[in-house]
Amino acid sequence: MEIAKLFTESSTASTLVFLSLTGILGILIGKVKFATIKLGIAGVLFAGLLIGHLEVQIDHNVMHFVKEFGLILFVYSIGLEVGPRFISSLRSNGLTLNILAMSVVFLGFIVSVAIKLIFDVPTAVIVGIMSGAVTNTPGLGAAQQAISEQFSDSQLSEITGMGYAIAYPFGIIGIILTMLIIRFFLNIKITQETKDFTQKTTGLGGKPIAVNIKITNQALIGKNYGFLQENLQGEFTLSRILRNKEFIFPKEDFLIVEGDIIYGVSSKDYISALEFKVGQLNKTGDIEITGKMSMRHVVFTNKELAGKTIKQIGISRRFPANITRIFRAGNEILPKANDTIEFGDTLRIVGNRKILPEVISVLGNSLKSLSHPNIIPILIGILVGVVIGSIPIAIPGLPAPAKLGLAGGPLLIALFLGHKGRIGKLDFYMTPSSNLFIRELGIILFLACVGLGAGEKFVQTILEGGYIWMLYGIAITLIPLLIIGFVARYLKFNYLSICGLLAGSMTDPPALEYANSLSTVQAQSTAYATVYPLVMFLRVLLAQILVLLFI
C-alpha cells in the first residue's frame, strides 16, 4: 500500500511524516512537569531520539535542509526580537551583565579544551558535549556545519549531535541547580529581591497610586508648573489641576496659585516627602475624572516614535494632555521625562476630552499594526544573513578561516535590523505573535532533525562508554555557572537578575521558565534578553573555533 511506504521507505514525504510526529510528541513531552521543571521545547529533542532509535526511514538530504532552515528561522527571529534593546542593554548594569555572561562562555570553552586535551576526547564529540552542556542549539548547528566542511564526513556530524543530546539534560538541570545552590548558601529571600527590583524598575518603593495634594507651601506660590514638575521628577507625575472647582491641564508656564489642588501619580513611600514639599494630602487611590478632562488607555503603535523618550515625543508640549502611567510587560511604571516609550506599551493618557482623539491618533492605538505580518523585509534579512554567514573570517592561530555560518550570519543581521528598525521605506518590525511562531517552528524543526539523526545509535553509544560524556558535560555546565553566579552576587546584583543572567548565558528557555516561576517581576527576562544576543554570537563562533583548533 502507498500509505505503508511512508513508514517503510526513505522519501521526502516519509521524512516530513516523521518530523511532524517528532514535533507533536516532543511538544506533549515538553508540557509534562518533573517537580517544578518542564522541558518545554527541549522535549522535541528527546522525542527525536526515541523515534530515531526505532530506525525509521528518512531522507537525510531533506532532513539536512530542514535542519539548517529551521536554525535560520530560529536565530533570525531571536535577533529581531532583542535587537532593539541590544545597544541600550550595554549601558549601566547591562555592560557588567554582558561581561559576566561572556565570562561564563569563555570559562566553559576553557573547560572544554582542557577536557579535550587531558582525556583525548575526539573533536566531534567534545564540541557536541560543549554545545549540549550549555544548551546552545545554534552552536551545535555551527559546529556541525564546520565539521561537514572540514571533514566531509556526515557520520562525524551525527556523533556531534549525539554528544549534544547526551549532555543536554544536565545542561538544563545544572542551571537550575546552580540557582538553588546560590539561593541556599547565601540565604536569599525571594520576596525581598522582588521588592528591591520593583523599586529600582518603577522608581517607586511600591505600586503607583493616584493622589491629590493641596498646594500650601508658600515657596511654590508664583512659580510655574514646569518648576514644580522638575523638582518632583521621579516622585510625582502631574496629570491635572483643580482650580476654582474646575479641572485644567497643567501647562509648564502656568503660575502656581495658593489653593490649587494637583492630581497625579506617586507612591506611598513618597507621601511624606510630597506633603513636606507641596502641601496637604487630600486623598489617595483612583479618583474620578470629570468635567473637560478625561482619561484613556492607548496602545502605543507609532513605529516612527517607538524608542523615543517622553520628552522627545512631547505630548504635553503639543496637546493639553499628559502620560501618567506606562504599562509594560506586567509592570506599572511611573513615567519620567527621559523614559523611552516602546512599541506595544499601554499608556494612560489624561487630558482635555476634546483633544484626546488627536492624541490617540499620534500614539497609534492600532490593533492592525500589532497583528500585521511583515514578510518581504524578513526574507531580505535572511538572504543578507546567509551571504554574510558564508564569508570566511581569518583568525590568527587557526589553520582554516571561521565563518559565522547559517547561525551567526542571520543572527548578526537580525540584531542590526532589529536595532535599526527601519531602513528607508523597509520596516523590519515583526509582531510578537509572528516572531514567536517563526521562532517556535524553527527550533522544533532543528531539534527534531538533531534527535532523529542521533537517535539510531544513541543507546549504543551510552552503553559503550558514552555515559562518561555526561560527566564531561556536567563539568562544563557547573564550573562556569557556580563561579560567575557567586561573583555576580558579590557585585550586589539582584538574585532574580542573576537567575536571568545564568539562563541567558546558557541561552536556555526551560531554565528561564523556572526562573520566571520564582517571581512575577521582569528581572529574570530582562537580564536574559540583555545577555542573550552577545552570548549567542559567541557560542556560535567558539563552537567553530573549537573544531578548527583541532583539525
Protein backbone atom coordinates (compact mmCIF):
# COMPACT_ATOMS: atom_id res chain seq x y z
CA MET A 1 0.00 0.00 0.00
CA GLU A 2 1.12 3.54 -0.80
CA ILE A 3 0.45 4.76 2.74
CA ALA A 4 2.62 1.96 4.18
CA LYS A 5 5.56 3.24 2.11
CA LEU A 6 5.51 6.46 4.13
CA PHE A 7 6.74 4.44 7.11
CA THR A 8 8.96 1.87 5.38
CA GLU A 9 10.76 3.70 2.55
CA SER A 10 13.01 6.74 2.59
CA SER A 11 11.45 9.73 0.80
CA THR A 12 10.64 13.40 1.19
CA ALA A 13 7.11 12.50 2.30
CA SER A 14 8.30 9.96 4.89
CA THR A 15 10.79 12.47 6.28
CA LEU A 16 8.05 15.06 6.70
CA VAL A 17 5.81 12.48 8.37
CA PHE A 18 8.43 11.58 10.97
CA LEU A 19 9.37 15.23 11.51
CA SER A 20 5.73 16.02 12.21
CA LEU A 21 5.35 13.05 14.57
CA THR A 22 8.52 14.09 16.38
CA GLY A 23 7.27 17.65 16.78
CA ILE A 24 3.86 16.58 18.08
CA LEU A 25 5.29 14.06 20.56
CA GLY A 26 8.03 16.46 21.63
CA ILE A 27 5.61 19.29 22.40
CA LEU A 28 3.50 16.91 24.52
CA ILE A 29 6.61 15.67 26.38
CA GLY A 30 7.66 19.29 26.97
CA LYS A 31 4.40 20.01 28.79
CA VAL A 32 4.98 17.29 31.38
CA LYS A 33 6.20 18.65 34.73
CA PHE A 34 9.07 16.98 36.59
CA ALA A 35 8.80 18.52 40.08
CA THR A 36 8.81 22.24 39.18
CA ILE A 37 10.59 21.82 35.85
CA LYS A 38 9.19 21.40 32.35
CA LEU A 39 11.40 20.51 29.40
CA GLY A 40 9.48 22.87 27.17
CA ILE A 41 10.65 22.86 23.58
CA ALA A 42 13.61 20.60 24.54
CA GLY A 43 11.10 17.75 24.64
CA VAL A 44 11.30 17.68 20.83
CA LEU A 45 14.95 16.61 21.04
CA PHE A 46 14.11 13.62 23.22
CA ALA A 47 11.15 12.68 21.04
CA GLY A 48 13.54 12.70 18.07
CA LEU A 49 15.97 10.43 19.92
CA LEU A 50 13.16 7.99 20.68
CA ILE A 51 11.78 7.88 17.14
CA GLY A 52 15.29 7.82 15.65
CA HIS A 53 16.14 4.82 17.86
CA LEU A 54 13.37 2.89 16.07
CA GLU A 55 15.48 3.16 12.87
CA VAL A 56 12.78 4.94 10.85
CA GLN A 57 13.36 5.59 7.14
CA ILE A 58 14.18 9.22 6.40
CA ASP A 59 15.82 11.10 3.54
CA HIS A 60 18.99 12.60 5.06
CA ASN A 61 19.32 15.25 2.36
CA VAL A 62 15.82 16.53 3.07
CA MET A 63 16.45 16.41 6.81
CA HIS A 64 19.71 18.35 6.40
CA PHE A 65 17.88 21.15 4.56
CA VAL A 66 15.05 21.25 7.11
CA LYS A 67 17.54 21.37 9.98
CA GLU A 68 19.50 24.29 8.53
CA PHE A 69 16.40 26.23 7.53
CA GLY A 70 14.87 25.71 10.97
CA LEU A 71 18.07 27.04 12.54
CA ILE A 72 17.95 30.15 10.35
CA LEU A 73 14.33 30.88 11.29
CA PHE A 74 15.13 30.40 14.98
CA VAL A 75 18.17 32.67 15.26
CA TYR A 76 16.78 35.33 12.91
CA SER A 77 13.59 35.73 14.94
CA ILE A 78 15.65 35.96 18.14
CA GLY A 79 17.85 38.67 16.65
CA LEU A 80 14.88 40.77 15.55
CA GLU A 81 13.28 40.48 18.98
CA VAL A 82 16.27 41.50 21.08
CA GLY A 83 17.94 43.81 18.53
CA PRO A 84 16.04 46.97 19.57
CA ARG A 85 17.39 46.65 23.11
CA PHE A 86 20.85 45.26 22.33
CA ILE A 87 22.81 48.51 22.16
CA SER A 88 20.97 50.15 25.06
CA SER A 89 21.49 47.00 27.16
CA LEU A 90 25.24 47.62 27.12
CA ARG A 91 24.77 50.72 29.26
CA SER A 92 24.80 50.75 33.05
CA ASN A 93 24.40 47.26 34.57
CA GLY A 94 23.86 45.82 31.11
CA LEU A 95 27.57 46.13 30.35
CA THR A 96 28.51 44.34 33.57
CA LEU A 97 25.89 41.65 32.92
CA ASN A 98 27.34 41.03 29.46
CA ILE A 99 30.87 40.82 30.85
CA LEU A 100 29.70 38.24 33.39
CA ALA A 101 27.86 36.29 30.69
CA MET A 102 30.94 36.37 28.45
CA SER A 103 32.94 35.00 31.37
CA VAL A 104 30.54 32.05 31.60
CA VAL A 105 31.02 31.41 27.87
CA PHE A 106 34.82 31.60 27.91
CA LEU A 107 35.14 29.54 31.11
CA GLY A 108 33.01 26.83 29.50
CA PHE A 109 35.21 26.94 26.40
CA ILE A 110 38.37 26.64 28.52
CA VAL A 111 36.95 23.68 30.46
CA SER A 112 36.01 22.00 27.15
CA VAL A 113 39.51 22.46 25.72
CA ALA A 114 41.03 21.12 28.96
CA ILE A 115 38.82 18.01 28.83
CA LYS A 116 39.73 17.52 25.16
CA LEU A 117 43.47 17.67 25.90
CA ILE A 118 43.50 15.73 29.19
CA PHE A 119 41.21 12.86 28.17
CA ASP A 120 41.95 12.90 24.41
CA VAL A 121 38.27 13.27 23.52
CA PRO A 122 37.56 13.35 19.75
CA THR A 123 36.89 16.84 18.42
CA ALA A 124 33.45 15.94 17.04
CA VAL A 125 32.47 14.60 20.45
CA ILE A 126 33.75 17.41 22.68
CA VAL A 127 32.19 20.18 20.57
CA GLY A 128 28.84 18.38 20.75
CA ILE A 129 29.19 17.91 24.51
CA MET A 130 30.06 21.59 24.94
CA SER A 131 27.03 22.71 22.92
CA GLY A 132 24.74 20.35 24.86
CA ALA A 133 26.20 21.25 28.24
CA VAL A 134 25.44 24.92 27.58
CA THR A 135 22.11 24.05 25.87
CA ASN A 136 23.06 26.09 22.80
CA THR A 137 21.37 24.78 19.67
CA PRO A 138 22.80 27.31 17.14
CA GLY A 139 26.29 26.49 18.43
CA LEU A 140 25.64 22.85 17.60
CA GLY A 141 24.45 23.85 14.14
CA ALA A 142 27.57 25.95 13.54
CA ALA A 143 29.82 23.14 14.78
CA GLN A 144 28.14 20.55 12.56
CA GLN A 145 28.46 22.84 9.57
CA ALA A 146 32.17 23.39 10.28
CA ILE A 147 32.73 19.64 10.68
CA SER A 148 30.94 18.89 7.40
CA GLU A 149 33.04 21.49 5.57
CA GLN A 150 36.38 20.45 7.06
CA PHE A 151 35.98 16.66 7.24
CA SER A 152 33.30 15.84 4.62
CA ASP A 153 32.00 13.09 6.90
CA SER A 154 28.28 13.02 7.74
CA GLN A 155 28.83 10.42 10.48
CA LEU A 156 31.06 12.82 12.42
CA SER A 157 28.27 15.38 12.31
CA GLU A 158 25.84 12.82 13.75
CA ILE A 159 28.33 11.97 16.51
CA THR A 160 28.43 15.66 17.40
CA GLY A 161 24.64 15.62 17.66
CA MET A 162 24.86 12.57 19.91
CA GLY A 163 27.30 14.31 22.26
CA TYR A 164 24.91 17.26 22.36
CA ALA A 165 21.94 15.03 23.19
CA ILE A 166 23.79 13.23 25.99
CA ALA A 167 24.99 16.44 27.67
CA TYR A 168 21.78 18.43 27.15
CA PRO A 169 19.59 17.06 30.01
CA PHE A 170 22.02 18.05 32.75
CA GLY A 171 22.62 21.31 30.92
CA ILE A 172 19.05 22.25 31.87
CA ILE A 173 19.17 20.71 35.35
CA GLY A 174 22.60 22.21 36.07
CA ILE A 175 21.45 25.79 35.54
CA ILE A 176 18.51 25.35 37.89
CA LEU A 177 20.70 23.51 40.41
CA THR A 178 23.13 26.45 40.38
CA MET A 179 20.26 28.86 41.10
CA LEU A 180 19.21 26.71 44.07
CA ILE A 181 22.77 26.41 45.42
CA ILE A 182 23.32 30.18 45.33
CA ARG A 183 19.95 30.81 46.95
CA PHE A 184 20.64 28.26 49.74
CA PHE A 185 24.20 29.24 50.62
CA LEU A 186 23.54 32.99 50.54
CA ASN A 187 20.18 32.71 52.35
CA ILE A 188 18.35 34.74 49.71
CA LYS A 189 14.70 35.75 50.24
CA ILE A 190 12.70 35.96 47.01
CA THR A 191 10.16 38.43 48.43
CA GLN A 192 12.90 40.92 49.32
CA GLU A 193 14.59 40.52 45.93
CA THR A 194 11.24 41.14 44.23
CA LYS A 195 10.63 44.30 46.25
CA ASP A 196 14.14 45.62 45.54
CA PHE A 197 13.78 45.08 41.81
CA THR A 198 10.32 46.66 41.65
CA GLN A 199 11.58 49.76 43.41
CA LYS A 200 14.54 50.08 41.04
CA THR A 201 12.46 49.46 37.89
CA THR A 202 9.46 51.68 38.58
CA GLY A 203 11.28 54.33 40.54
CA LEU A 204 8.89 53.56 43.38
CA GLY A 205 9.03 51.55 46.56
CA GLY A 206 5.55 50.26 45.88
CA LYS A 207 2.68 50.23 43.42
CA PRO A 208 1.90 53.59 41.75
CA ILE A 209 -1.21 55.20 43.25
CA ALA A 210 -3.36 58.20 42.35
CA VAL A 211 -3.04 61.13 44.79
CA ASN A 212 -4.19 64.73 45.04
CA ILE A 213 -2.49 67.41 47.11
CA LYS A 214 -3.49 70.95 48.02
CA ILE A 215 -0.60 73.38 47.46
CA THR A 216 0.12 75.24 50.70
CA ASN A 217 3.92 75.64 50.51
CA GLN A 218 4.44 79.41 50.19
CA ALA A 219 7.80 78.88 48.47
CA LEU A 220 5.94 77.48 45.45
CA ILE A 221 3.40 80.28 45.07
CA GLY A 222 4.17 82.34 41.96
CA LYS A 223 6.46 79.68 40.47
CA ASN A 224 5.32 77.91 37.29
CA TYR A 225 4.26 74.28 37.00
CA GLY A 226 7.34 73.44 34.91
CA PHE A 227 9.42 74.27 38.02
CA LEU A 228 7.21 72.03 40.19
CA GLN A 229 7.37 69.06 37.83
CA GLU A 230 11.14 69.34 37.54
CA ASN A 231 11.54 69.28 41.33
CA LEU A 232 9.17 66.33 41.79
CA GLN A 233 10.70 64.26 38.96
CA GLY A 234 10.55 60.57 39.86
CA GLU A 235 8.34 61.17 42.91
CA PHE A 236 5.14 62.53 41.38
CA THR A 237 3.68 62.69 37.86
CA LEU A 238 1.24 65.58 37.41
CA SER A 239 -1.92 64.92 35.38
CA ARG A 240 -4.25 67.89 36.09
CA ILE A 241 -5.06 70.82 38.38
CA LEU A 242 -8.30 71.59 40.21
CA ARG A 243 -8.69 75.38 40.37
CA ASN A 244 -11.95 77.17 41.23
CA LYS A 245 -13.78 73.84 41.11
CA GLU A 246 -12.70 73.24 37.50
CA PHE A 247 -10.08 70.82 36.15
CA ILE A 248 -7.42 72.39 33.91
CA PHE A 249 -4.39 70.92 32.17
CA PRO A 250 -1.04 71.89 33.77
CA LYS A 251 0.91 73.72 31.08
CA GLU A 252 4.52 74.36 32.08
CA ASP A 253 4.18 78.15 32.05
CA PHE A 254 1.04 78.20 34.26
CA LEU A 255 1.72 80.01 37.53
CA ILE A 256 1.02 78.19 40.79
CA VAL A 257 -1.82 79.72 42.80
CA GLU A 258 -2.31 79.07 46.50
CA GLY A 259 -5.10 76.57 46.99
CA ASP A 260 -4.52 74.75 43.69
CA ILE A 261 -5.10 71.02 44.09
CA ILE A 262 -2.77 68.93 41.94
CA TYR A 263 -3.81 65.46 40.81
CA GLY A 264 -1.34 62.81 39.71
CA VAL A 265 0.52 59.57 40.42
CA SER A 266 3.01 58.74 43.15
CA SER A 267 3.75 56.02 45.73
CA LYS A 268 3.06 55.63 49.42
CA ASP A 269 6.82 55.84 50.02
CA TYR A 270 6.84 59.44 48.76
CA ILE A 271 3.72 60.75 50.53
CA SER A 272 5.61 62.27 53.48
CA ALA A 273 8.12 64.00 51.18
CA LEU A 274 5.32 65.36 48.98
CA GLU A 275 3.47 66.80 51.98
CA PHE A 276 6.69 68.50 53.09
CA LYS A 277 7.49 69.89 49.61
CA VAL A 278 3.98 70.71 48.37
CA GLY A 279 1.26 70.76 50.98
CA GLN A 280 -1.71 68.94 52.41
CA LEU A 281 -2.56 65.46 51.10
CA ASN A 282 -6.27 65.29 50.29
CA LYS A 283 -6.78 61.76 49.05
CA THR A 284 -5.09 58.64 47.68
CA GLY A 285 -6.48 55.99 45.36
CA ASP A 286 -8.15 56.24 41.97
CA ILE A 287 -10.10 59.47 41.61
CA GLU A 288 -12.87 60.05 39.08
CA ILE A 289 -12.00 62.42 36.24
CA THR A 290 -14.84 64.82 35.44
CA GLY A 291 -15.57 67.99 33.53
CA LYS A 292 -13.47 68.88 30.49
CA MET A 293 -10.79 66.33 31.41
CA SER A 294 -10.85 62.64 30.58
CA MET A 295 -8.64 59.55 30.77
CA ARG A 296 -7.91 56.89 28.13
CA HIS A 297 -5.67 53.84 27.81
CA VAL A 298 -3.81 53.84 24.49
CA VAL A 299 -1.66 51.11 22.90
CA PHE A 300 1.48 52.73 21.51
CA THR A 301 1.87 51.58 17.89
CA ASN A 302 3.53 54.57 16.21
CA LYS A 303 6.69 52.92 14.85
CA GLU A 304 8.33 56.24 13.97
CA LEU A 305 8.17 57.39 17.60
CA ALA A 306 8.95 53.99 19.20
CA GLY A 307 12.10 54.07 21.32
CA LYS A 308 11.98 57.85 21.86
CA THR A 309 11.68 59.41 25.29
CA ILE A 310 8.54 61.06 26.67
CA LYS A 311 10.35 64.39 26.41
CA GLN A 312 11.25 63.78 22.74
CA ILE A 313 7.69 62.77 21.84
CA GLY A 314 6.44 65.88 23.63
CA ILE A 315 2.77 65.05 24.09
CA SER A 316 2.39 67.55 26.94
CA ARG A 317 4.00 70.31 24.80
CA ARG A 318 1.79 69.65 21.78
CA PHE A 319 -1.54 68.97 23.49
CA PRO A 320 -3.34 69.68 26.78
CA ALA A 321 -2.69 66.06 27.80
CA ASN A 322 -0.13 64.06 29.73
CA ILE A 323 1.15 60.48 30.04
CA THR A 324 0.53 59.49 33.65
CA ARG A 325 1.40 55.76 33.59
CA ILE A 326 3.19 53.22 31.42
CA PHE A 327 2.10 49.57 31.46
CA ARG A 328 4.84 47.32 30.08
CA ALA A 329 5.26 43.54 30.33
CA GLY A 330 3.20 43.35 33.52
CA ASN A 331 4.89 46.35 35.17
CA GLU A 332 3.18 49.63 36.02
CA ILE A 333 5.75 52.40 35.66
CA LEU A 334 5.65 55.99 36.94
CA PRO A 335 6.69 57.92 33.80
CA LYS A 336 9.63 60.32 33.82
CA ALA A 337 10.68 62.70 31.07
CA ASN A 338 13.65 60.58 29.98
CA ASP A 339 11.78 57.23 29.96
CA THR A 340 11.51 55.68 26.50
CA ILE A 341 8.17 54.52 25.09
CA GLU A 342 8.31 51.12 23.39
CA PHE A 343 6.11 49.70 20.64
CA GLY A 344 3.25 47.82 22.29
CA ASP A 345 3.32 49.77 25.59
CA THR A 346 -0.05 50.71 27.02
CA LEU A 347 -0.18 54.36 28.10
CA ARG A 348 -2.63 56.06 30.43
CA ILE A 349 -3.39 59.50 28.98
CA VAL A 350 -5.14 62.26 30.93
CA GLY A 351 -6.11 65.43 29.10
CA ASN A 352 -8.75 67.64 27.55
CA ARG A 353 -11.67 65.46 26.46
CA LYS A 354 -11.98 67.10 23.03
CA ILE A 355 -8.30 66.78 22.15
CA LEU A 356 -7.81 63.13 23.23
CA PRO A 357 -8.79 61.61 19.83
CA GLU A 358 -5.97 63.62 18.21
CA VAL A 359 -3.51 62.48 20.89
CA ILE A 360 -4.58 58.87 20.36
CA SER A 361 -4.06 59.27 16.61
CA VAL A 362 -0.46 60.40 17.21
CA LEU A 363 0.32 57.50 19.55
CA GLY A 364 -1.21 54.87 17.27
CA ASN A 365 -3.61 52.59 19.13
CA SER A 366 -3.83 50.40 16.01
CA LEU A 367 -4.62 46.73 16.50
CA LYS A 368 -3.88 46.20 12.82
CA SER A 369 -0.31 47.45 13.30
CA LEU A 370 0.14 45.00 16.16
CA SER A 371 -1.03 41.99 14.15
CA HIS A 372 0.10 42.65 10.55
CA PRO A 373 2.96 40.32 9.41
CA ASN A 374 5.94 41.83 7.58
CA ILE A 375 7.24 39.18 5.16
CA ILE A 376 9.43 40.84 2.48
CA PRO A 377 11.85 42.52 4.93
CA ILE A 378 12.19 39.19 6.75
CA LEU A 379 13.20 37.38 3.56
CA ILE A 380 15.63 40.18 2.66
CA GLY A 381 17.19 39.92 6.11
CA ILE A 382 17.59 36.15 5.86
CA LEU A 383 19.12 36.49 2.38
CA VAL A 384 21.71 39.01 3.56
CA GLY A 385 22.36 36.95 6.72
CA VAL A 386 23.13 33.78 4.75
CA VAL A 387 25.51 35.73 2.48
CA ILE A 388 27.28 37.33 5.45
CA GLY A 389 27.49 33.94 7.18
CA SER A 390 29.31 32.48 4.17
CA ILE A 391 32.18 35.00 4.28
CA PRO A 392 35.38 33.37 5.64
CA ILE A 393 36.98 35.13 8.62
CA ALA A 394 40.71 34.59 9.12
CA ILE A 395 41.55 34.24 12.82
CA PRO A 396 45.26 34.19 13.76
CA GLY A 397 46.32 30.79 15.07
CA LEU A 398 43.61 28.81 13.32
CA PRO A 399 44.57 26.56 10.39
CA ALA A 400 41.37 27.44 8.49
CA PRO A 401 39.12 30.51 8.41
CA ALA A 402 35.98 30.53 10.51
CA LYS A 403 32.56 31.57 9.25
CA LEU A 404 29.55 32.99 11.02
CA GLY A 405 27.62 30.27 9.19
CA LEU A 406 23.89 29.76 8.90
CA ALA A 407 23.51 30.52 12.61
CA GLY A 408 25.79 33.51 13.12
CA GLY A 409 25.14 35.36 9.85
CA PRO A 410 21.34 35.67 10.14
CA LEU A 411 21.69 36.38 13.87
CA LEU A 412 24.12 39.25 13.30
CA ILE A 413 21.97 40.79 10.54
CA ALA A 414 18.80 40.37 12.61
CA LEU A 415 20.42 42.16 15.57
CA PHE A 416 21.38 45.03 13.27
CA LEU A 417 17.96 45.24 11.60
CA GLY A 418 16.16 44.89 14.92
CA HIS A 419 18.25 47.76 16.29
CA LYS A 420 17.71 49.98 13.24
CA GLY A 421 14.02 49.10 12.95
CA ARG A 422 13.70 50.80 9.59
CA ILE A 423 15.93 51.33 6.54
CA GLY A 424 14.35 53.70 4.04
CA LYS A 425 10.80 52.50 3.48
CA LEU A 426 11.52 48.99 4.75
CA ASP A 427 10.24 48.43 8.28
CA PHE A 428 11.80 45.37 9.93
CA TYR A 429 9.46 45.23 12.92
CA MET A 430 7.89 41.81 13.48
CA THR A 431 4.79 41.43 15.64
CA PRO A 432 5.33 39.41 18.84
CA SER A 433 2.93 36.70 17.70
CA SER A 434 4.62 36.35 14.29
CA ASN A 435 8.05 36.32 15.88
CA LEU A 436 7.05 33.65 18.38
CA PHE A 437 5.53 31.48 15.64
CA ILE A 438 8.65 31.62 13.45
CA ARG A 439 10.96 31.03 16.42
CA GLU A 440 9.00 28.05 17.72
CA LEU A 441 8.68 26.49 14.26
CA GLY A 442 12.40 26.95 13.61
CA ILE A 443 13.59 25.38 16.86
CA ILE A 444 11.11 22.48 16.57
CA LEU A 445 12.37 21.62 13.07
CA PHE A 446 16.00 21.88 14.12
CA LEU A 447 15.72 19.82 17.32
CA ALA A 448 13.58 17.20 15.59
CA CYS A 449 16.29 16.73 12.95
CA VAL A 450 19.07 16.57 15.56
CA GLY A 451 17.16 13.95 17.56
CA LEU A 452 16.27 11.83 14.53
CA GLY A 453 19.88 11.96 13.30
CA ALA A 454 21.42 10.96 16.64
CA GLY A 455 18.70 8.58 17.83
CA GLU A 456 19.71 5.49 15.84
CA LYS A 457 22.99 4.96 17.75
CA PHE A 458 22.16 6.87 20.94
CA VAL A 459 21.57 3.91 23.30
CA GLN A 460 24.51 2.00 21.86
CA THR A 461 26.79 4.97 22.46
CA ILE A 462 25.64 5.32 26.09
CA LEU A 463 26.29 1.63 26.77
CA GLU A 464 29.72 1.72 25.16
CA GLY A 465 31.08 4.48 27.40
CA GLY A 466 29.02 7.46 26.37
CA TYR A 467 27.99 7.98 29.99
CA ILE A 468 31.47 9.44 30.50
CA TRP A 469 30.44 12.18 28.07
CA MET A 470 27.71 13.11 30.52
CA LEU A 471 30.31 13.64 33.26
CA TYR A 472 32.30 15.90 30.94
CA GLY A 473 29.12 17.84 30.26
CA ILE A 474 28.40 18.26 33.98
CA ALA A 475 31.83 19.86 34.45
CA ILE A 476 31.31 22.22 31.50
CA THR A 477 27.89 23.21 32.88
CA LEU A 478 28.54 23.66 36.59
CA ILE A 479 32.05 25.10 36.91
CA PRO A 480 31.44 28.38 34.99
CA LEU A 481 27.91 28.89 36.36
CA LEU A 482 28.86 28.50 40.03
CA ILE A 483 31.89 30.76 39.75
CA ILE A 484 30.10 33.58 37.91
CA GLY A 485 26.87 33.20 39.93
CA PHE A 486 28.67 33.87 43.22
CA VAL A 487 30.75 36.66 41.65
CA ALA A 488 27.57 38.37 40.43
CA ARG A 489 26.08 38.29 43.91
CA TYR A 490 29.33 39.67 45.34
CA LEU A 491 28.87 42.56 42.89
CA LYS A 492 25.45 43.22 44.52
CA PHE A 493 23.28 42.04 41.63
CA ASN A 494 19.67 41.19 42.40
CA TYR A 495 19.24 37.42 42.74
CA LEU A 496 16.40 37.38 40.19
CA SER A 497 18.65 39.16 37.70
CA ILE A 498 21.37 36.60 38.42
CA CYS A 499 18.90 33.82 37.56
CA GLY A 500 18.16 35.54 34.26
CA LEU A 501 21.89 36.03 33.68
CA LEU A 502 22.61 32.32 34.23
CA ALA A 503 19.76 31.21 31.96
CA GLY A 504 20.75 33.76 29.32
CA SER A 505 24.44 32.85 29.42
CA MET A 506 23.37 29.30 28.54
CA THR A 507 20.64 30.51 26.11
CA ASP A 508 18.22 28.15 27.86
CA PRO A 509 14.43 28.81 27.74
CA PRO A 510 13.44 26.00 30.21
CA ALA A 511 15.81 27.47 32.82
CA LEU A 512 14.32 30.92 32.21
CA GLU A 513 10.85 29.41 32.63
CA TYR A 514 11.89 28.10 36.06
CA ALA A 515 13.46 31.45 36.97
CA ASN A 516 10.27 33.28 35.97
CA SER A 517 8.27 30.99 38.26
CA LEU A 518 10.14 32.45 41.26
CA SER A 519 8.59 35.91 40.88
CA THR A 520 6.20 37.77 38.60
CA VAL A 521 8.58 40.69 38.01
CA GLN A 522 10.61 41.05 34.81
CA ALA A 523 14.11 40.94 36.35
CA GLN A 524 14.80 37.45 35.04
CA SER A 525 13.58 38.07 31.49
CA THR A 526 15.30 41.46 31.32
CA ALA A 527 18.69 40.03 32.28
CA TYR A 528 18.15 37.07 29.94
CA ALA A 529 17.38 39.33 26.98
CA THR A 530 20.27 41.67 27.85
CA VAL A 531 22.97 38.99 27.59
CA TYR A 532 21.32 36.68 25.05
CA PRO A 533 22.48 38.33 21.77
CA LEU A 534 26.17 38.59 22.64
CA VAL A 535 26.22 35.14 24.24
CA MET A 536 24.51 33.58 21.23
CA PHE A 537 27.04 35.16 18.89
CA LEU A 538 29.99 33.95 20.99
CA ARG A 539 28.57 30.43 21.36
CA VAL A 540 28.26 30.14 17.56
CA LEU A 541 31.78 31.46 16.98
CA LEU A 542 33.52 29.45 19.71
CA ALA A 543 31.88 26.20 18.63
CA GLN A 544 33.51 26.64 15.23
CA ILE A 545 36.83 27.70 16.76
CA LEU A 546 36.90 24.54 18.88
CA VAL A 547 36.51 22.47 15.70
CA LEU A 548 39.13 24.43 13.77
CA LEU A 549 41.66 24.37 16.63
CA PHE A 550 41.98 20.60 16.43
CA ILE A 551 41.74 19.85 12.70
